[in-house]
PDB file of all heavy atoms in Angstrom:
ATOM      1  N   ASP A   1     -33.227  35.075  33.207  1.00  0.00           N
ATOM      2  CA  ASP A   1     -32.067  34.177  33.236  1.00  0.00           C
ATOM      3  C   ASP A   1     -31.583  33.880  34.646  1.00  0.00           C
ATOM      4  O   ASP A   1     -30.753  32.972  34.838  1.00  0.00           O
ATOM      5  CB  ASP A   1     -30.921  34.785  32.417  1.00  0.00           C
ATOM      6  CG  ASP A   1     -31.220  34.818  30.928  1.00  0.00           C
ATOM      7  OD1 ASP A   1     -32.066  34.015  30.492  1.00  0.00           O
ATOM      8  OD2 ASP A   1     -30.632  35.646  30.207  1.00  0.00           O
ATOM      9  N   ARG A   2     -32.042  34.616  35.613  1.00  0.00           N
ATOM     10  CA  ARG A   2     -31.617  34.354  36.999  1.00  0.00           C
ATOM     11  C   ARG A   2     -32.319  33.138  37.589  1.00  0.00           C
ATOM     12  O   ARG A   2     -31.896  32.612  38.626  1.00  0.00           O
ATOM     13  CB  ARG A   2     -31.900  35.581  37.869  1.00  0.00           C
ATOM     14  CG  ARG A   2     -31.088  36.816  37.495  1.00  0.00           C
ATOM     15  CD  ARG A   2     -31.566  38.029  38.248  1.00  0.00           C
ATOM     16  NE  ARG A   2     -32.964  38.352  37.916  1.00  0.00           N
ATOM     17  CZ  ARG A   2     -33.666  39.317  38.519  1.00  0.00           C
ATOM     18  NH1 ARG A   2     -33.098  40.037  39.473  1.00  0.00           N
ATOM     19  NH2 ARG A   2     -34.921  39.557  38.146  1.00  0.00           N
ATOM     20  N   LEU A   3     -33.368  32.684  36.917  1.00  0.00           N
ATOM     21  CA  LEU A   3     -34.125  31.539  37.406  1.00  0.00           C
ATOM     22  C   LEU A   3     -33.750  30.281  36.631  1.00  0.00           C
ATOM     23  O   LEU A   3     -33.279  30.359  35.498  1.00  0.00           O
ATOM     24  CB  LEU A   3     -35.623  31.809  37.274  1.00  0.00           C
ATOM     25  CG  LEU A   3     -36.132  33.054  38.008  1.00  0.00           C
ATOM     26  CD1 LEU A   3     -37.618  33.244  37.750  1.00  0.00           C
ATOM     27  CD2 LEU A   3     -35.871  32.952  39.504  1.00  0.00           C
ATOM     28  N   SER A   4     -33.972  29.128  37.243  1.00  0.00           N
ATOM     29  CA  SER A   4     -33.572  27.861  36.633  1.00  0.00           C
ATOM     30  C   SER A   4     -34.751  26.906  36.546  1.00  0.00           C
ATOM     31  O   SER A   4     -35.640  26.897  37.406  1.00  0.00           O
ATOM     32  CB  SER A   4     -32.452  27.226  37.462  1.00  0.00           C
ATOM     33  OG  SER A   4     -32.155  25.921  36.985  1.00  0.00           O
ATOM     34  N   ALA A   5     -34.754  26.093  35.486  1.00  0.00           N
ATOM     35  CA  ALA A   5     -35.778  25.049  35.327  1.00  0.00           C
ATOM     36  C   ALA A   5     -35.402  23.771  36.061  1.00  0.00           C
ATOM     37  O   ALA A   5     -36.242  22.882  36.219  1.00  0.00           O
ATOM     38  CB  ALA A   5     -35.982  24.743  33.850  1.00  0.00           C
ATOM     39  N   THR A   6     -34.150  23.635  36.483  1.00  0.00           N
ATOM     40  CA  THR A   6     -33.716  22.421  37.166  1.00  0.00           C
ATOM     41  C   THR A   6     -34.390  22.321  38.533  1.00  0.00           C
ATOM     42  O   THR A   6     -34.775  23.328  39.128  1.00  0.00           O
ATOM     43  CB  THR A   6     -32.195  22.399  37.338  1.00  0.00           C
ATOM     44  OG1 THR A   6     -31.786  23.533  38.122  1.00  0.00           O
ATOM     45  CG2 THR A   6     -31.493  22.445  35.996  1.00  0.00           C
ATOM     46  N   ARG A   7     -34.545  21.091  39.009  1.00  0.00           N
ATOM     47  CA  ARG A   7     -35.203  20.860  40.292  1.00  0.00           C
ATOM     48  C   ARG A   7     -34.299  20.044  41.209  1.00  0.00           C
ATOM     49  O   ARG A   7     -33.857  18.953  40.838  1.00  0.00           O
ATOM     50  CB  ARG A   7     -36.512  20.089  40.099  1.00  0.00           C
ATOM     51  CG  ARG A   7     -37.532  20.768  39.209  1.00  0.00           C
ATOM     52  CD  ARG A   7     -38.169  21.968  39.889  1.00  0.00           C
ATOM     53  NE  ARG A   7     -39.307  22.442  39.135  1.00  0.00           N
ATOM     54  CZ  ARG A   7     -39.239  23.272  38.095  1.00  0.00           C
ATOM     55  NH1 ARG A   7     -38.053  23.718  37.697  1.00  0.00           N
ATOM     56  NH2 ARG A   7     -40.331  23.660  37.463  1.00  0.00           N
ATOM     57  N   PRO A   8     -34.015  20.539  42.412  1.00  0.00           N
ATOM     58  CA  PRO A   8     -33.315  19.697  43.383  1.00  0.00           C
ATOM     59  C   PRO A   8     -34.244  18.596  43.870  1.00  0.00           C
ATOM     60  O   PRO A   8     -35.472  18.662  43.681  1.00  0.00           O
ATOM     61  CB  PRO A   8     -32.976  20.685  44.516  1.00  0.00           C
ATOM     62  CG  PRO A   8     -34.033  21.741  44.420  1.00  0.00           C
ATOM     63  CD  PRO A   8     -34.347  21.870  42.953  1.00  0.00           C
ATOM     64  N   ALA A   9     -33.678  17.584  44.482  1.00  0.00           N
ATOM     65  CA  ALA A   9     -34.480  16.450  44.945  1.00  0.00           C
ATOM     66  C   ALA A   9     -35.614  16.898  45.862  1.00  0.00           C
ATOM     67  O   ALA A   9     -36.731  16.381  45.795  1.00  0.00           O
ATOM     68  CB  ALA A   9     -33.581  15.443  45.655  1.00  0.00           C
ATOM     69  N   SER A  10     -35.348  17.882  46.731  1.00  0.00           N
ATOM     70  CA  SER A  10     -36.358  18.324  47.695  1.00  0.00           C
ATOM     71  C   SER A  10     -37.550  18.989  47.022  1.00  0.00           C
ATOM     72  O   SER A  10     -38.627  19.095  47.620  1.00  0.00           O
ATOM     73  CB  SER A  10     -35.726  19.288  48.702  1.00  0.00           C
ATOM     74  OG  SER A  10     -35.163  20.412  48.034  1.00  0.00           O
ATOM     75  N   ALA A  11     -37.386  19.465  45.770  1.00  0.00           N
ATOM     76  CA  ALA A  11     -38.503  20.057  45.034  1.00  0.00           C
ATOM     77  C   ALA A  11     -39.327  18.994  44.329  1.00  0.00           C
ATOM     78  O   ALA A  11     -40.467  19.246  43.941  1.00  0.00           O
ATOM     79  CB  ALA A  11     -37.983  21.073  44.019  1.00  0.00           C
ATOM     80  N   LEU A  12     -38.761  17.802  44.160  1.00  0.00           N
ATOM     81  CA  LEU A  12     -39.461  16.722  43.459  1.00  0.00           C
ATOM     82  C   LEU A  12     -40.256  15.832  44.406  1.00  0.00           C
ATOM     83  O   LEU A  12     -41.230  15.208  44.001  1.00  0.00           O
ATOM     84  CB  LEU A  12     -38.456  15.875  42.679  1.00  0.00           C
ATOM     85  CG  LEU A  12     -37.747  16.596  41.522  1.00  0.00           C
ATOM     86  CD1 LEU A  12     -36.647  15.737  40.955  1.00  0.00           C
ATOM     87  CD2 LEU A  12     -38.751  16.976  40.441  1.00  0.00           C
ATOM     88  N   VAL A  13     -39.815  15.769  45.666  1.00  0.00           N
ATOM     89  CA  VAL A  13     -40.516  14.960  46.675  1.00  0.00           C
ATOM     90  C   VAL A  13     -40.540  15.749  47.979  1.00  0.00           C
ATOM     91  O   VAL A  13     -39.523  16.308  48.380  1.00  0.00           O
ATOM     92  CB  VAL A  13     -39.811  13.605  46.917  1.00  0.00           C
ATOM     93  CG1 VAL A  13     -40.645  12.747  47.856  1.00  0.00           C
ATOM     94  CG2 VAL A  13     -39.559  12.879  45.614  1.00  0.00           C
ATOM     95  N   ALA A  14     -41.703  15.790  48.607  1.00  0.00           N
ATOM     96  CA  ALA A  14     -41.838  16.493  49.880  1.00  0.00           C
ATOM     97  C   ALA A  14     -41.258  15.628  50.999  1.00  0.00           C
ATOM     98  O   ALA A  14     -41.968  15.089  51.847  1.00  0.00           O
ATOM     99  CB  ALA A  14     -43.292  16.829  50.155  1.00  0.00           C
ATOM    100  N   ALA A  15     -39.936  15.481  50.990  1.00  0.00           N
ATOM    101  CA  ALA A  15     -39.223  14.695  51.997  1.00  0.00           C
ATOM    102  C   ALA A  15     -37.879  15.372  52.245  1.00  0.00           C
ATOM    103  O   ALA A  15     -37.433  16.210  51.457  1.00  0.00           O
ATOM    104  CB  ALA A  15     -39.027  13.257  51.525  1.00  0.00           C
ATOM    105  N   THR A  16     -37.248  15.022  53.331  1.00  0.00           N
ATOM    106  CA  THR A  16     -35.974  15.637  53.685  1.00  0.00           C
ATOM    107  C   THR A  16     -34.965  14.591  54.124  1.00  0.00           C
ATOM    108  O   THR A  16     -35.326  13.463  54.485  1.00  0.00           O
ATOM    109  CB  THR A  16     -36.160  16.655  54.827  1.00  0.00           C
ATOM    110  OG1 THR A  16     -36.745  15.987  55.965  1.00  0.00           O
ATOM    111  CG2 THR A  16     -37.054  17.809  54.404  1.00  0.00           C
ATOM    112  N   GLY A  17     -33.687  14.982  54.073  1.00  0.00           N
ATOM    113  CA  GLY A  17     -32.619  14.142  54.599  1.00  0.00           C
ATOM    114  C   GLY A  17     -32.588  12.755  54.003  1.00  0.00           C
ATOM    115  O   GLY A  17     -32.715  12.562  52.792  1.00  0.00           O
ATOM    116  N   ASN A  18     -32.431  11.760  54.886  1.00  0.00           N
ATOM    117  CA  ASN A  18     -32.315  10.377  54.441  1.00  0.00           C
ATOM    118  C   ASN A  18     -33.581   9.849  53.767  1.00  0.00           C
ATOM    119  O   ASN A  18     -33.530   8.874  53.020  1.00  0.00           O
ATOM    120  CB  ASN A  18     -31.964   9.474  55.633  1.00  0.00           C
ATOM    121  CG  ASN A  18     -30.558   9.738  56.154  1.00  0.00           C
ATOM    122  OD1 ASN A  18     -29.692  10.205  55.403  1.00  0.00           O
ATOM    123  ND2 ASN A  18     -30.336   9.473  57.435  1.00  0.00           N
ATOM    124  N   GLU A  19     -34.735  10.522  54.043  1.00  0.00           N
ATOM    125  CA  GLU A  19     -35.978  10.088  53.412  1.00  0.00           C
ATOM    126  C   GLU A  19     -35.901  10.187  51.890  1.00  0.00           C
ATOM    127  O   GLU A  19     -36.525   9.411  51.166  1.00  0.00           O
ATOM    128  CB  GLU A  19     -37.141  10.948  53.912  1.00  0.00           C
ATOM    129  CG  GLU A  19     -37.470  10.741  55.378  1.00  0.00           C
ATOM    130  CD  GLU A  19     -38.576  11.694  55.834  1.00  0.00           C
ATOM    131  OE1 GLU A  19     -38.482  12.899  55.515  1.00  0.00           O
ATOM    132  OE2 GLU A  19     -39.515  11.233  56.487  1.00  0.00           O
ATOM    133  N   LEU A  20     -35.101  11.127  51.412  1.00  0.00           N
ATOM    134  CA  LEU A  20     -34.997  11.337  49.975  1.00  0.00           C
ATOM    135  C   LEU A  20     -34.244  10.209  49.269  1.00  0.00           C
ATOM    136  O   LEU A  20     -34.404  10.018  48.064  1.00  0.00           O
ATOM    137  CB  LEU A  20     -34.293  12.673  49.681  1.00  0.00           C
ATOM    138  CG  LEU A  20     -35.150  13.935  49.807  1.00  0.00           C
ATOM    139  CD1 LEU A  20     -34.280  15.180  49.704  1.00  0.00           C
ATOM    140  CD2 LEU A  20     -36.227  13.958  48.722  1.00  0.00           C
ATOM    141  N   ASN A  21     -33.427   9.469  50.022  1.00  0.00           N
ATOM    142  CA  ASN A  21     -32.643   8.391  49.404  1.00  0.00           C
ATOM    143  C   ASN A  21     -33.530   7.337  48.760  1.00  0.00           C
ATOM    144  O   ASN A  21     -33.138   6.682  47.790  1.00  0.00           O
ATOM    145  CB  ASN A  21     -31.732   7.739  50.445  1.00  0.00           C
ATOM    146  CG  ASN A  21     -30.663   8.697  50.953  1.00  0.00           C
ATOM    147  OD1 ASN A  21     -30.325   9.676  50.281  1.00  0.00           O
ATOM    148  ND2 ASN A  21     -30.136   8.433  52.135  1.00  0.00           N
ATOM    149  N   GLU A  22     -34.744   7.180  49.295  1.00  0.00           N
ATOM    150  CA  GLU A  22     -35.683   6.193  48.751  1.00  0.00           C
ATOM    151  C   GLU A  22     -36.054   6.509  47.308  1.00  0.00           C
ATOM    152  O   GLU A  22     -36.441   5.615  46.551  1.00  0.00           O
ATOM    153  CB  GLU A  22     -36.949   6.168  49.621  1.00  0.00           C
ATOM    154  CG  GLU A  22     -38.029   5.240  49.116  1.00  0.00           C
ATOM    155  CD  GLU A  22     -39.326   5.370  49.906  1.00  0.00           C
ATOM    156  OE1 GLU A  22     -39.317   6.000  50.988  1.00  0.00           O
ATOM    157  OE2 GLU A  22     -40.348   4.836  49.426  1.00  0.00           O
ATOM    158  N   PHE A  23     -35.909   7.783  46.924  1.00  0.00           N
ATOM    159  CA  PHE A  23     -36.404   8.233  45.624  1.00  0.00           C
ATOM    160  C   PHE A  23     -35.267   8.551  44.648  1.00  0.00           C
ATOM    161  O   PHE A  23     -35.447   9.346  43.724  1.00  0.00           O
ATOM    162  CB  PHE A  23     -37.298   9.461  45.818  1.00  0.00           C
ATOM    163  CG  PHE A  23     -38.452   9.215  46.746  1.00  0.00           C
ATOM    164  CD1 PHE A  23     -38.395   9.610  48.075  1.00  0.00           C
ATOM    165  CD2 PHE A  23     -39.573   8.542  46.306  1.00  0.00           C
ATOM    166  CE1 PHE A  23     -39.453   9.376  48.931  1.00  0.00           C
ATOM    167  CE2 PHE A  23     -40.638   8.298  47.155  1.00  0.00           C
ATOM    168  CZ  PHE A  23     -40.583   8.711  48.483  1.00  0.00           C
ATOM    169  N   ASP A  24     -34.126   7.896  44.825  1.00  0.00           N
ATOM    170  CA  ASP A  24     -32.969   8.170  43.965  1.00  0.00           C
ATOM    171  C   ASP A  24     -33.287   7.937  42.490  1.00  0.00           C
ATOM    172  O   ASP A  24     -32.878   8.720  41.622  1.00  0.00           O
ATOM    173  CB  ASP A  24     -31.780   7.297  44.381  1.00  0.00           C
ATOM    174  CG  ASP A  24     -31.082   7.826  45.625  1.00  0.00           C
ATOM    175  OD1 ASP A  24     -31.394   8.957  46.036  1.00  0.00           O
ATOM    176  OD2 ASP A  24     -30.231   7.107  46.190  1.00  0.00           O
ATOM    177  N   ASP A  25     -33.991   6.857  42.172  1.00  0.00           N
ATOM    178  CA  ASP A  25     -34.303   6.558  40.765  1.00  0.00           C
ATOM    179  C   ASP A  25     -35.222   7.617  40.170  1.00  0.00           C
ATOM    180  O   ASP A  25     -35.054   8.032  39.015  1.00  0.00           O
ATOM    181  CB  ASP A  25     -34.959   5.177  40.641  1.00  0.00           C
ATOM    182  CG  ASP A  25     -33.963   4.042  40.816  1.00  0.00           C
ATOM    183  OD1 ASP A  25     -32.742   4.308  40.797  1.00  0.00           O
ATOM    184  OD2 ASP A  25     -34.397   2.888  40.972  1.00  0.00           O
ATOM    185  N   LEU A  26     -36.204   8.047  40.945  1.00  0.00           N
ATOM    186  CA  LEU A  26     -37.131   9.074  40.479  1.00  0.00           C
ATOM    187  C   LEU A  26     -36.394  10.389  40.216  1.00  0.00           C
ATOM    188  O   LEU A  26     -36.566  11.006  39.154  1.00  0.00           O
ATOM    189  CB  LEU A  26     -38.217   9.290  41.534  1.00  0.00           C
ATOM    190  CG  LEU A  26     -39.222  10.415  41.266  1.00  0.00           C
ATOM    191  CD1 LEU A  26     -40.077  10.099  40.053  1.00  0.00           C
ATOM    192  CD2 LEU A  26     -40.102  10.649  42.492  1.00  0.00           C
ATOM    193  N   VAL A  27     -35.569  10.802  41.160  1.00  0.00           N
ATOM    194  CA  VAL A  27     -34.830  12.066  41.024  1.00  0.00           C
ATOM    195  C   VAL A  27     -33.870  11.997  39.838  1.00  0.00           C
ATOM    196  O   VAL A  27     -33.787  12.927  39.024  1.00  0.00           O
ATOM    197  CB  VAL A  27     -34.084  12.397  42.329  1.00  0.00           C
ATOM    198  CG1 VAL A  27     -33.164  13.597  42.131  1.00  0.00           C
ATOM    199  CG2 VAL A  27     -35.078  12.658  43.463  1.00  0.00           C
ATOM    200  N   ARG A  28     -33.144  10.890  39.721  1.00  0.00           N
ATOM    201  CA  ARG A  28     -32.191  10.728  38.612  1.00  0.00           C
ATOM    202  C   ARG A  28     -32.902  10.845  37.271  1.00  0.00           C
ATOM    203  O   ARG A  28     -32.423  11.527  36.359  1.00  0.00           O
ATOM    204  CB  ARG A  28     -31.504   9.366  38.736  1.00  0.00           C
ATOM    205  CG  ARG A  28     -30.662   8.969  37.529  1.00  0.00           C
ATOM    206  CD  ARG A  28     -30.169   7.534  37.655  1.00  0.00           C
ATOM    207  NE  ARG A  28     -31.245   6.586  37.879  1.00  0.00           N
ATOM    208  CZ  ARG A  28     -32.051   6.116  36.939  1.00  0.00           C
ATOM    209  NH1 ARG A  28     -31.917   6.536  35.685  1.00  0.00           N
ATOM    210  NH2 ARG A  28     -32.997   5.245  37.226  1.00  0.00           N
ATOM    211  N   HIS A  29     -34.051  10.189  37.158  1.00  0.00           N
ATOM    212  CA  HIS A  29     -34.795  10.226  35.901  1.00  0.00           C
ATOM    213  C   HIS A  29     -35.303  11.634  35.594  1.00  0.00           C
ATOM    214  O   HIS A  29     -35.150  12.136  34.479  1.00  0.00           O
ATOM    215  CB  HIS A  29     -35.965   9.247  35.976  1.00  0.00           C
ATOM    216  CG  HIS A  29     -36.831   9.229  34.759  1.00  0.00           C
ATOM    217  ND1 HIS A  29     -36.573   8.408  33.684  1.00  0.00           N
ATOM    218  CD2 HIS A  29     -37.938   9.958  34.436  1.00  0.00           C
ATOM    219  CE1 HIS A  29     -37.483   8.629  32.750  1.00  0.00           C
ATOM    220  NE2 HIS A  29     -38.318   9.562  33.177  1.00  0.00           N
ATOM    221  N   MET A  30     -35.907  12.272  36.577  1.00  0.00           N
ATOM    222  CA  MET A  30     -36.520  13.573  36.341  1.00  0.00           C
ATOM    223  C   MET A  30     -35.487  14.643  36.020  1.00  0.00           C
ATOM    224  O   MET A  30     -35.757  15.554  35.232  1.00  0.00           O
ATOM    225  CB  MET A  30     -37.347  13.992  37.560  1.00  0.00           C
ATOM    226  CG  MET A  30     -38.523  13.095  37.853  1.00  0.00           C
ATOM    227  SD  MET A  30     -39.660  12.917  36.457  1.00  0.00           S
ATOM    228  CE  MET A  30     -40.170  14.615  36.236  1.00  0.00           C
ATOM    229  N   GLN A  31     -34.318  14.540  36.605  1.00  0.00           N
ATOM    230  CA  GLN A  31     -33.296  15.554  36.349  1.00  0.00           C
ATOM    231  C   GLN A  31     -32.690  15.434  34.950  1.00  0.00           C
ATOM    232  O   GLN A  31     -31.910  16.290  34.544  1.00  0.00           O
ATOM    233  CB  GLN A  31     -32.208  15.485  37.425  1.00  0.00           C
ATOM    234  CG  GLN A  31     -32.725  15.990  38.773  1.00  0.00           C
ATOM    235  CD  GLN A  31     -31.700  15.909  39.885  1.00  0.00           C
ATOM    236  OE1 GLN A  31     -30.702  15.172  39.796  1.00  0.00           O
ATOM    237  NE2 GLN A  31     -31.907  16.660  40.944  1.00  0.00           N
ATOM    238  N   ARG A  32     -33.094  14.380  34.203  1.00  0.00           N
ATOM    239  CA  ARG A  32     -32.689  14.262  32.800  1.00  0.00           C
ATOM    240  C   ARG A  32     -33.765  14.751  31.851  1.00  0.00           C
ATOM    241  O   ARG A  32     -33.541  14.813  30.644  1.00  0.00           O
ATOM    242  CB  ARG A  32     -32.349  12.797  32.476  1.00  0.00           C
ATOM    243  CG  ARG A  32     -31.153  12.259  33.242  1.00  0.00           C
ATOM    244  CD  ARG A  32     -30.729  10.906  32.715  1.00  0.00           C
ATOM    245  NE  ARG A  32     -31.830   9.963  32.627  1.00  0.00           N
ATOM    246  CZ  ARG A  32     -31.708   8.656  32.866  1.00  0.00           C
ATOM    247  NH1 ARG A  32     -30.536   8.162  33.215  1.00  0.00           N
ATOM    248  NH2 ARG A  32     -32.741   7.855  32.746  1.00  0.00           N
ATOM    249  N   TRP A  33     -34.932  15.074  32.367  1.00  0.00           N
ATOM    250  CA  TRP A  33     -36.025  15.538  31.505  1.00  0.00           C
ATOM    251  C   TRP A  33     -35.631  16.812  30.783  1.00  0.00           C
ATOM    252  O   TRP A  33     -35.068  17.742  31.390  1.00  0.00           O
ATOM    253  CB  TRP A  33     -37.269  15.799  32.352  1.00  0.00           C
ATOM    254  CG  TRP A  33     -38.200  14.636  32.459  1.00  0.00           C
ATOM    255  CD1 TRP A  33     -37.867  13.325  32.348  1.00  0.00           C
ATOM    256  CD2 TRP A  33     -39.604  14.685  32.724  1.00  0.00           C
ATOM    257  NE1 TRP A  33     -38.981  12.537  32.534  1.00  0.00           N
ATOM    258  CE2 TRP A  33     -40.054  13.343  32.766  1.00  0.00           C
ATOM    259  CE3 TRP A  33     -40.506  15.711  32.947  1.00  0.00           C
ATOM    260  CZ2 TRP A  33     -41.386  13.022  33.008  1.00  0.00           C
ATOM    261  CZ3 TRP A  33     -41.833  15.395  33.189  1.00  0.00           C
ATOM    262  CH2 TRP A  33     -42.263  14.062  33.215  1.00  0.00           C
ATOM    263  N   LEU A  34     -35.963  16.892  29.508  1.00  0.00           N
ATOM    264  CA  LEU A  34     -35.697  18.104  28.732  1.00  0.00           C
ATOM    265  C   LEU A  34     -36.391  19.310  29.348  1.00  0.00           C
ATOM    266  O   LEU A  34     -35.842  20.413  29.373  1.00  0.00           O
ATOM    267  CB  LEU A  34     -36.171  17.894  27.297  1.00  0.00           C
ATOM    268  CG  LEU A  34     -35.941  19.044  26.313  1.00  0.00           C
ATOM    269  CD1 LEU A  34     -34.457  19.305  26.135  1.00  0.00           C
ATOM    270  CD2 LEU A  34     -36.588  18.727  24.965  1.00  0.00           C
ATOM    271  N   LEU A  35     -37.587  19.097  29.859  1.00  0.00           N
ATOM    272  CA  LEU A  35     -38.365  20.180  30.458  1.00  0.00           C
ATOM    273  C   LEU A  35     -37.656  20.806  31.655  1.00  0.00           C
ATOM    274  O   LEU A  35     -37.868  21.988  31.964  1.00  0.00           O
ATOM    275  CB  LEU A  35     -39.734  19.629  30.905  1.00  0.00           C
ATOM    276  CG  LEU A  35     -40.736  20.601  31.509  1.00  0.00           C
ATOM    277  CD1 LEU A  35     -41.178  21.618  30.471  1.00  0.00           C
ATOM    278  CD2 LEU A  35     -41.940  19.857  32.083  1.00  0.00           C
ATOM    279  N   LEU A  36     -36.808  20.022  32.315  1.00  0.00           N
ATOM    280  CA  LEU A  36     -36.142  20.494  33.535  1.00  0.00           C
ATOM    281  C   LEU A  36     -34.660  20.753  33.307  1.00  0.00           C
ATOM    282  O   LEU A  36     -33.852  20.632  34.234  1.00  0.00           O
ATOM    283  CB  LEU A  36     -36.340  19.470  34.664  1.00  0.00           C
ATOM    284  CG  LEU A  36     -37.788  19.111  34.990  1.00  0.00           C
ATOM    285  CD1 LEU A  36     -37.857  18.146  36.160  1.00  0.00           C
ATOM    286  CD2 LEU A  36     -38.617  20.364  35.297  1.00  0.00           C
ATOM    287  N   ARG A  37     -34.297  21.102  32.087  1.00  0.00           N
ATOM    288  CA  ARG A  37     -32.908  21.443  31.767  1.00  0.00           C
ATOM    289  C   ARG A  37     -32.824  22.888  31.315  1.00  0.00           C
ATOM    290  O   ARG A  37     -33.693  23.392  30.602  1.00  0.00           O
ATOM    291  CB  ARG A  37     -32.366  20.524  30.663  1.00  0.00           C
ATOM    292  CG  ARG A  37     -32.435  19.053  30.975  1.00  0.00           C
ATOM    293  CD  ARG A  37     -31.582  18.659  32.153  1.00  0.00           C
ATOM    294  NE  ARG A  37     -30.177  18.734  31.879  1.00  0.00           N
ATOM    295  CZ  ARG A  37     -29.454  17.708  31.418  1.00  0.00           C
ATOM    296  NH1 ARG A  37     -30.029  16.555  31.143  1.00  0.00           N
ATOM    297  NH2 ARG A  37     -28.159  17.845  31.221  1.00  0.00           N
ATOM    298  N   ASP A  38     -31.753  23.558  31.710  1.00  0.00           N
ATOM    299  CA  ASP A  38     -31.525  24.947  31.316  1.00  0.00           C
ATOM    300  C   ASP A  38     -30.695  25.014  30.046  1.00  0.00           C
ATOM    301  O   ASP A  38     -30.029  24.045  29.661  1.00  0.00           O
ATOM    302  CB  ASP A  38     -30.778  25.697  32.429  1.00  0.00           C
ATOM    303  CG  ASP A  38     -31.647  25.935  33.652  1.00  0.00           C
ATOM    304  OD1 ASP A  38     -32.852  26.151  33.485  1.00  0.00           O
ATOM    305  OD2 ASP A  38     -31.111  25.917  34.782  1.00  0.00           O
ATOM    306  N   ALA A  39     -30.737  26.184  29.405  1.00  0.00           N
ATOM    307  CA  ALA A  39     -29.810  26.445  28.304  1.00  0.00           C
ATOM    308  C   ALA A  39     -28.386  26.501  28.877  1.00  0.00           C
ATOM    309  O   ALA A  39     -28.189  26.883  30.033  1.00  0.00           O
ATOM    310  CB  ALA A  39     -30.180  27.764  27.632  1.00  0.00           C
ATOM    311  N   PRO A  40     -27.366  26.085  28.115  1.00  0.00           N
ATOM    312  CA  PRO A  40     -27.440  25.689  26.700  1.00  0.00           C
ATOM    313  C   PRO A  40     -27.788  24.206  26.481  1.00  0.00           C
ATOM    314  O   PRO A  40     -28.052  23.814  25.350  1.00  0.00           O
ATOM    315  CB  PRO A  40     -26.031  25.969  26.202  1.00  0.00           C
ATOM    316  CG  PRO A  40     -25.168  25.713  27.390  1.00  0.00           C
ATOM    317  CD  PRO A  40     -25.972  26.190  28.580  1.00  0.00           C
ATOM    318  N   ARG A  41     -27.777  23.385  27.562  1.00  0.00           N
ATOM    319  CA  ARG A  41     -28.028  21.956  27.370  1.00  0.00           C
ATOM    320  C   ARG A  41     -29.425  21.713  26.837  1.00  0.00           C
ATOM    321  O   ARG A  41     -29.627  20.816  25.998  1.00  0.00           O
ATOM    322  CB  ARG A  41     -27.828  21.213  28.697  1.00  0.00           C
ATOM    323  CG  ARG A  41     -27.892  19.696  28.570  1.00  0.00           C
ATOM    324  CD  ARG A  41     -26.894  19.184  27.546  1.00  0.00           C
ATOM    325  NE  ARG A  41     -26.899  17.735  27.444  1.00  0.00           N
ATOM    326  CZ  ARG A  41     -26.449  17.061  26.396  1.00  0.00           C
ATOM    327  NH1 ARG A  41     -25.947  17.722  25.351  1.00  0.00           N
ATOM    328  NH2 ARG A  41     -26.475  15.739  26.374  1.00  0.00           N
ATOM    329  N   HIS A  42     -30.407  22.478  27.280  1.00  0.00           N
ATOM    330  CA  HIS A  42     -31.774  22.324  26.771  1.00  0.00           C
ATOM    331  C   HIS A  42     -31.807  22.520  25.253  1.00  0.00           C
ATOM    332  O   HIS A  42     -32.401  21.725  24.521  1.00  0.00           O
ATOM    333  CB  HIS A  42     -32.692  23.349  27.447  1.00  0.00           C
ATOM    334  CG  HIS A  42     -34.100  23.324  26.952  1.00  0.00           C
ATOM    335  ND1 HIS A  42     -35.085  22.584  27.563  1.00  0.00           N
ATOM    336  CD2 HIS A  42     -34.691  23.936  25.894  1.00  0.00           C
ATOM    337  CE1 HIS A  42     -36.219  22.748  26.895  1.00  0.00           C
ATOM    338  NE2 HIS A  42     -36.015  23.565  25.890  1.00  0.00           N
ATOM    339  N   SER A  43     -31.136  23.570  24.786  1.00  0.00           N
ATOM    340  CA  SER A  43     -31.117  23.868  23.345  1.00  0.00           C
ATOM    341  C   SER A  43     -30.388  22.782  22.567  1.00  0.00           C
ATOM    342  O   SER A  43     -30.795  22.401  21.462  1.00  0.00           O
ATOM    343  CB  SER A  43     -30.457  25.224  23.096  1.00  0.00           C
ATOM    344  OG  SER A  43     -31.135  26.245  23.820  1.00  0.00           O
TER     345      SER A  43
END
């Protein structure tokens, strides 16, 4: 339970800082994936 399935933007794209802004749509979509949600929301 100390670990999380959620992913920050930096884990989804190998980019940093302002470079990550280009991928806002990708990050927004992926962070809604059931696979990347923790309990209780996953359940």
